[in-house]
PDB file of N, CA and C in Angstrom:
ATOM      1  N   MET A   1     -69.641-203.856 -20.590  1.00  0.00           N
ATOM      2  CA  MET A   1     -68.641-204.428 -21.314  1.00  0.00           C
ATOM      3  C   MET A   1     -69.537-204.195 -22.415  1.00  0.00           C
ATOM      4  N   MET A   2     -69.058-203.564 -23.635  1.00  0.00           N
ATOM      5  CA  MET A   2     -69.589-203.532 -24.992  1.00  0.00           C
ATOM      6  C   MET A   2     -69.315-204.549 -25.458  1.00  0.00           C
ATOM      7  N   ASN A   3     -70.742-205.038 -26.466  1.00  0.00           N
ATOM      8  CA  ASN A   3     -70.582-205.912 -27.094  1.00  0.00           C
ATOM      9  C   ASN A   3     -70.364-205.520 -28.991  1.00  0.00           C
ATOM     10  N   LEU A   4     -69.175-205.903 -29.438  1.00  0.00           N
ATOM     11  CA  LEU A   4     -69.272-205.226 -31.341  1.00  0.00           C
ATOM     12  C   LEU A   4     -70.713-205.329 -31.762  1.00  0.00           C
ATOM     13  N   ASP A   5     -71.319-206.671 -31.609  1.00  0.00           N
ATOM     14  CA  ASP A   5     -72.657-207.193 -32.442  1.00  0.00           C
ATOM     15  C   ASP A   5     -74.006-205.969 -31.730  1.00  0.00           C
ATOM     16  N   GLN A   6     -73.242-205.442 -30.489  1.00  0.00           N
ATOM     17  CA  GLN A   6     -75.140-204.748 -30.241  1.00  0.00           C
ATOM     18  C   GLN A   6     -74.690-203.417 -30.600  1.00  0.00           C
ATOM     19  N   ILE A   7     -73.030-202.758 -30.724  1.00  0.00           N
ATOM     20  CA  ILE A   7     -72.802-201.661 -31.018  1.00  0.00           C
ATOM     21  C   ILE A   7     -72.642-201.207 -32.437  1.00  0.00           C
ATOM     22  N   GLU A   8     -73.140-201.451 -33.375  1.00  0.00           N
ATOM     23  CA  GLU A   8     -73.650-201.292 -34.711  1.00  0.00           C
ATOM     24  C   GLU A   8     -74.177-199.656 -35.057  1.00  0.00           C
ATOM     25  N   GLY A   9     -74.506-199.385 -34.636  1.00  0.00           N
ATOM     26  CA  GLY A   9     -75.237-198.461 -34.546  1.00  0.00           C
ATOM     27  C   GLY A   9     -74.348-197.536 -33.687  1.00  0.00           C
ATOM     28  N   LYS A  10     -73.462-197.803 -32.873  1.00  0.00           N
ATOM     29  CA  LYS A  10     -72.486-196.485 -32.655  1.00  0.00           C
ATOM     30  C   LYS A  10     -71.426-196.420 -32.992  1.00  0.00           C
ATOM     31  N   TRP A  11     -71.097-196.887 -34.027  1.00  0.00           N
ATOM     32  CA  TRP A  11     -70.301-197.703 -35.174  1.00  0.00           C
ATOM     33  C   TRP A  11     -69.235-196.305 -35.288  1.00  0.00           C
ATOM     34  N   THR A  12     -69.531-195.031 -35.363  1.00  0.00           N
ATOM     35  CA  THR A  12     -68.782-193.576 -35.935  1.00  0.00           C
ATOM     36  C   THR A  12     -68.482-193.729 -34.826  1.00  0.00           C
ATOM     37  N   GLN A  13     -68.624-193.995 -33.448  1.00  0.00           N
ATOM     38  CA  GLN A  13     -68.070-193.303 -31.884  1.00  0.00           C
ATOM     39  C   GLN A  13     -67.174-194.059 -31.905  1.00  0.00           C
ATOM     40  N   ILE A  14     -67.243-195.684 -32.086  1.00  0.00           N
ATOM     41  CA  ILE A  14     -66.335-196.657 -31.379  1.00  0.00           C
ATOM     42  C   ILE A  14     -65.270-196.600 -32.368  1.00  0.00           C
ATOM     43  N   LYS A  15     -65.671-196.178 -33.661  1.00  0.00           N
ATOM     44  CA  LYS A  15     -64.480-196.038 -34.813  1.00  0.00           C
ATOM     45  C   LYS A  15     -62.696-195.912 -34.370  1.00  0.00           C
ATOM     46  N   GLY A  16     -63.051-194.404 -33.813  1.00  0.00           N
ATOM     47  CA  GLY A  16     -61.921-193.926 -33.332  1.00  0.00           C
ATOM     48  C   GLY A  16     -61.075-194.850 -31.683  1.00  0.00           C
ATOM     49  N   ALA A  17     -61.709-195.501 -31.199  1.00  0.00           N
ATOM     50  CA  ALA A  17     -61.382-196.373 -30.225  1.00  0.00           C
ATOM     51  C   ALA A  17     -60.712-197.428 -30.540  1.00  0.00           C
ATOM     52  N   LEU A  18     -61.463-198.351 -31.650  1.00  0.00           N
ATOM     53  CA  LEU A  18     -60.856-199.127 -32.667  1.00  0.00           C
ATOM     54  C   LEU A  18     -59.251-199.067 -33.074  1.00  0.00           C
ATOM     55  N   ARG A  19     -59.232-197.831 -33.822  1.00  0.00           N
ATOM     56  CA  ARG A  19     -58.101-197.052 -34.782  1.00  0.00           C
ATOM     57  C   ARG A  19     -56.832-196.970 -33.225  1.00  0.00           C
ATOM     58  N   GLN A  20     -57.358-196.441 -32.176  1.00  0.00           N
ATOM     59  CA  GLN A  20     -56.311-196.607 -31.209  1.00  0.00           C
ATOM     60  C   GLN A  20     -55.732-198.023 -30.769  1.00  0.00           C
ATOM     61  N   GLU A  21     -56.392-198.540 -30.912  1.00  0.00           N
ATOM     62  CA  GLU A  21     -56.257-200.339 -30.048  1.00  0.00           C
ATOM     63  C   GLU A  21     -54.937-200.789 -31.496  1.00  0.00           C
ATOM     64  N   TRP A  22     -56.188-200.618 -32.651  1.00  0.00           N
ATOM     65  CA  TRP A  22     -55.103-201.843 -33.771  1.00  0.00           C
ATOM     66  C   TRP A  22     -54.852-200.406 -34.887  1.00  0.00           C
ATOM     67  N   ALA A  23     -53.505-199.795 -35.397  1.00  0.00           N
ATOM     68  CA  ALA A  23     -53.405-198.292 -35.915  1.00  0.00           C
ATOM     69  C   ALA A  23     -53.467-198.658 -37.475  1.00  0.00           C
ATOM     70  N   LYS A  24     -53.439-200.029 -37.069  1.00  0.00           N
ATOM     71  CA  LYS A  24     -52.653-200.410 -39.206  1.00  0.00           C
ATOM     72  C   LYS A  24     -54.078-200.562 -39.105  1.00  0.00           C
ATOM     73  N   LEU A  25     -55.275-200.440 -38.849  1.00  0.00           N
ATOM     74  CA  LEU A  25     -56.633-200.471 -39.938  1.00  0.00           C
ATOM     75  C   LEU A  25     -56.857-199.436 -40.516  1.00  0.00           C
ATOM     76  N   THR A  26     -57.469-199.318 -41.512  1.00  0.00           N
ATOM     77  CA  THR A  26     -57.484-198.261 -42.509  1.00  0.00           C
ATOM     78  C   THR A  26     -58.976-197.760 -42.552  1.00  0.00           C
ATOM     79  N   GLU A  27     -59.699-196.376 -42.376  1.00  0.00           N
ATOM     80  CA  GLU A  27     -60.875-196.471 -42.513  1.00  0.00           C
ATOM     81  C   GLU A  27     -61.526-197.620 -43.377  1.00  0.00           C
ATOM     82  N   ASP A  28     -61.361-197.691 -44.660  1.00  0.00           N
ATOM     83  CA  ASP A  28     -61.899-198.762 -45.364  1.00  0.00           C
ATOM     84  C   ASP A  28     -62.095-200.164 -44.296  1.00  0.00           C
ATOM     85  N   ASP A  29     -60.721-200.488 -43.366  1.00  0.00           N
ATOM     86  CA  ASP A  29     -61.136-201.918 -43.192  1.00  0.00           C
ATOM     87  C   ASP A  29     -62.842-201.548 -41.803  1.00  0.00           C
ATOM     88  N   LEU A  30     -62.283-200.284 -41.692  1.00  0.00           N
ATOM     89  CA  LEU A  30     -63.452-200.088 -40.140  1.00  0.00           C
ATOM     90  C   LEU A  30     -64.522-200.171 -40.963  1.00  0.00           C
ATOM     91  N   GLU A  31     -65.058-199.231 -41.990  1.00  0.00           N
ATOM     92  CA  GLU A  31     -66.171-199.380 -42.931  1.00  0.00           C
ATOM     93  C   GLU A  31     -66.290-200.629 -43.205  1.00  0.00           C
ATOM     94  N   PHE A  32     -65.508-201.423 -43.840  1.00  0.00           N
ATOM     95  CA  PHE A  32     -65.809-203.157 -44.401  1.00  0.00           C
ATOM     96  C   PHE A  32     -66.650-203.753 -42.564  1.00  0.00           C
ATOM     97  N   ALA A  33     -65.962-203.696 -41.371  1.00  0.00           N
ATOM     98  CA  ALA A  33     -65.858-204.497 -40.460  1.00  0.00           C
ATOM     99  C   ALA A  33     -67.154-204.270 -39.887  1.00  0.00           C
ATOM    100  N   ARG A  34     -67.720-202.991 -40.046  1.00  0.00           N
ATOM    101  CA  ARG A  34     -68.764-201.890 -39.234  1.00  0.00           C
ATOM    102  C   ARG A  34     -69.473-202.503 -38.359  1.00  0.00           C
ATOM    103  N   GLY A  35     -68.995-203.184 -37.246  1.00  0.00           N
ATOM    104  CA  GLY A  35     -69.834-203.680 -36.390  1.00  0.00           C
ATOM    105  C   GLY A  35     -69.815-205.030 -36.156  1.00  0.00           C
ATOM    106  N   SER A  36     -69.150-205.741 -37.233  1.00  0.00           N
ATOM    107  CA  SER A  36     -69.431-207.327 -37.316  1.00  0.00           C
ATOM    108  C   SER A  36     -68.093-207.415 -36.761  1.00  0.00           C
ATOM    109  N   ARG A  37     -67.858-208.593 -35.812  1.00  0.00           N
ATOM    110  CA  ARG A  37     -66.779-209.100 -34.733  1.00  0.00           C
ATOM    111  C   ARG A  37     -66.092-209.878 -35.981  1.00  0.00           C
ATOM    112  N   GLU A  38     -66.522-211.163 -36.485  1.00  0.00           N
ATOM    113  CA  GLU A  38     -65.788-211.476 -37.736  1.00  0.00           C
ATOM    114  C   GLU A  38     -65.282-210.811 -38.959  1.00  0.00           C
ATOM    115  N   LYS A  39     -65.691-209.798 -39.360  1.00  0.00           N
ATOM    116  CA  LYS A  39     -65.091-209.504 -40.454  1.00  0.00           C
ATOM    117  C   LYS A  39     -64.083-208.293 -39.564  1.00  0.00           C
ATOM    118  N   LEU A  40     -63.954-207.702 -38.466  1.00  0.00           N
ATOM    119  CA  LEU A  40     -62.880-207.319 -37.596  1.00  0.00           C
ATOM    120  C   LEU A  40     -61.886-208.400 -37.838  1.00  0.00           C
ATOM    121  N   ALA A  41     -62.293-208.756 -37.431  1.00  0.00           N
ATOM    122  CA  ALA A  41     -61.090-210.323 -36.657  1.00  0.00           C
ATOM    123  C   ALA A  41     -60.298-210.657 -38.497  1.00  0.00           C
ATOM    124  N   GLY A  42     -60.773-210.896 -39.303  1.00  0.00           N
ATOM    125  CA  GLY A  42     -60.418-211.217 -40.329  1.00  0.00           C
ATOM    126  C   GLY A  42     -59.108-209.903 -40.777  1.00  0.00           C
ATOM    127  N   ARG A  43     -59.681-208.167 -40.665  1.00  0.00           N
ATOM    128  CA  ARG A  43     -59.016-207.470 -41.070  1.00  0.00           C
ATOM    129  C   ARG A  43     -57.575-207.400 -39.923  1.00  0.00           C
ATOM    130  N   ILE A  44     -58.179-207.761 -38.933  1.00  0.00           N
ATOM    131  CA  ILE A  44     -56.710-207.573 -38.092  1.00  0.00           C
ATOM    132  C   ILE A  44     -55.654-208.712 -38.247  1.00  0.00           C
ATOM    133  N   GLN A  45     -56.471-209.731 -38.670  1.00  0.00           N
ATOM    134  CA  GLN A  45     -55.603-210.745 -38.828  1.00  0.00           C
ATOM    135  C   GLN A  45     -54.424-210.921 -40.290  1.00  0.00           C
ATOM    136  N   GLU A  46     -55.664-209.808 -40.976  1.00  0.00           N
ATOM    137  CA  GLU A  46     -54.691-209.481 -42.334  1.00  0.00           C
ATOM    138  C   GLU A  46     -53.484-208.526 -42.316  1.00  0.00           C
ATOM    139  N   ARG A  47     -53.872-207.636 -41.670  1.00  0.00           N
ATOM    140  CA  ARG A  47     -52.881-206.059 -40.504  1.00  0.00           C
ATOM    141  C   ARG A  47     -52.123-206.511 -39.891  1.00  0.00           C
ATOM    142  N   TYR A  48     -52.276-207.382 -38.946  1.00  0.00           N
ATOM    143  CA  TYR A  48     -50.884-207.841 -38.173  1.00  0.00           C
ATOM    144  C   TYR A  48     -50.558-209.160 -38.285  1.00  0.00           C
ATOM    145  N   GLY A  49     -50.956-210.414 -38.934  1.00  0.00           N
ATOM    146  CA  GLY A  49     -50.354-211.270 -39.645  1.00  0.00           C
ATOM    147  C   GLY A  49     -50.325-212.460 -38.252  1.00  0.00           C
ATOM    148  N   VAL A  50     -51.652-212.351 -37.389  1.00  0.00           N
ATOM    149  CA  VAL A  50     -51.961-213.634 -36.209  1.00  0.00           C
ATOM    150  C   VAL A  50     -52.493-213.927 -36.942  1.00  0.00           C
ATOM    151  N   ALA A  51     -53.229-215.120 -36.218  1.00  0.00           N
ATOM    152  CA  ALA A  51     -54.090-216.136 -36.555  1.00  0.00           C
ATOM    153  C   ALA A  51     -55.522-215.333 -36.280  1.00  0.00           C
ATOM    154  N   ARG A  52     -56.403-215.846 -36.638  1.00  0.00           N
ATOM    155  CA  ARG A  52     -57.669-215.713 -36.541  1.00  0.00           C
ATOM    156  C   ARG A  52     -58.515-215.802 -35.089  1.00  0.00           C
ATOM    157  N   GLU A  53     -58.217-216.970 -34.205  1.00  0.00           N
ATOM    158  CA  GLU A  53     -58.338-217.298 -33.171  1.00  0.00           C
ATOM    159  C   GLU A  53     -57.305-216.098 -32.430  1.00  0.00           C
ATOM    160  N   ASP A  54     -56.163-215.349 -32.475  1.00  0.00           N
ATOM    161  CA  ASP A  54     -56.230-214.268 -31.599  1.00  0.00           C
ATOM    162  C   ASP A  54     -56.453-213.232 -32.155  1.00  0.00           C
ATOM    163  N   ALA A  55     -57.185-213.097 -33.352  1.00  0.00           N
ATOM    164  CA  ALA A  55     -57.552-211.489 -33.462  1.00  0.00           C
ATOM    165  C   ALA A  55     -59.203-211.611 -33.019  1.00  0.00           C
ATOM    166  N   LEU A  56     -59.709-213.016 -32.893  1.00  0.00           N
ATOM    167  CA  LEU A  56     -60.952-212.722 -31.946  1.00  0.00           C
ATOM    168  C   LEU A  56     -60.594-212.743 -30.595  1.00  0.00           C
ATOM    169  N   GLU A  57     -59.498-212.970 -30.017  1.00  0.00           N
ATOM    170  CA  GLU A  57     -59.190-212.813 -28.985  1.00  0.00           C
ATOM    171  C   GLU A  57     -59.004-211.833 -28.270  1.00  0.00           C
ATOM    172  N   GLN A  58     -57.877-210.517 -28.955  1.00  0.00           N
ATOM    173  CA  GLN A  58     -57.915-209.509 -29.044  1.00  0.00           C
ATOM    174  C   GLN A  58     -58.966-209.007 -28.995  1.00  0.00           C
ATOM    175  N   ILE A  59     -60.300-209.097 -29.909  1.00  0.00           N
ATOM    176  CA  ILE A  59     -61.404-208.092 -29.760  1.00  0.00           C
ATOM    177  C   ILE A  59     -62.426-208.450 -28.912  1.00  0.00           C
ATOM    178  N   GLN A  60     -62.643-209.682 -27.693  1.00  0.00           N
ATOM    179  CA  GLN A  60     -63.190-209.943 -27.144  1.00  0.00           C
ATOM    180  C   GLN A  60     -62.265-209.266 -25.838  1.00  0.00           C
ATOM    181  N   GLU A  61     -60.928-209.132 -25.495  1.00  0.00           N
ATOM    182  CA  GLU A  61     -60.285-208.361 -24.709  1.00  0.00           C
ATOM    183  C   GLU A  61     -60.819-207.027 -24.483  1.00  0.00           C
ATOM    184  N   TRP A  62     -60.603-206.469 -26.179  1.00  0.00           N
ATOM    185  CA  TRP A  62     -60.629-204.765 -26.081  1.00  0.00           C
ATOM    186  C   TRP A  62     -62.228-204.688 -26.079  1.00  0.00           C
ATOM    187  N   GLU A  63     -63.479-205.392 -26.139  1.00  0.00           N
ATOM    188  CA  GLU A  63     -64.515-205.710 -25.733  1.00  0.00           C
ATOM    189  C   GLU A  63     -64.866-205.536 -23.849  1.00  0.00           C
ATOM    190  N   ALA A  64     -63.759-206.015 -23.578  1.00  0.00           N
ATOM    191  CA  ALA A  64     -64.223-206.066 -22.154  1.00  0.00           C
ATOM    192  C   ALA A  64     -63.420-204.969 -21.265  1.00  0.00           C
ATOM    193  N   ARG A  65     -62.943-204.173 -21.778  1.00  0.00           N
ATOM    194  CA  ARG A  65     -62.003-202.861 -21.134  1.00  0.00           C
ATOM    195  C   ARG A  65     -63.429-201.706 -21.545  1.00  0.00           C
ATOM    196  N   HIS A  66     -64.063-201.940 -23.086  1.00  0.00           N
ATOM    197  CA  HIS A  66     -64.457-200.977 -23.104  1.00  0.00           C
ATOM    198  C   HIS A  66     -66.249-201.158 -22.786  1.00  0.00           C
TER     199      HIS A  66
END
């Protein structure tokens, strides 16, 4: 299982997989998050209109699959 906190160094490769999961995220969103689960959750929350807890859960599920 990949953990966002552990993959900051591989961020360029991971961005594509994140964009497939959350297509509404922009390149700027992903650069802002750059490996930070909290920042990514905030951007998912903004773009998809979900609660922060839901965004964090989605990220955890994504991490478990990758």
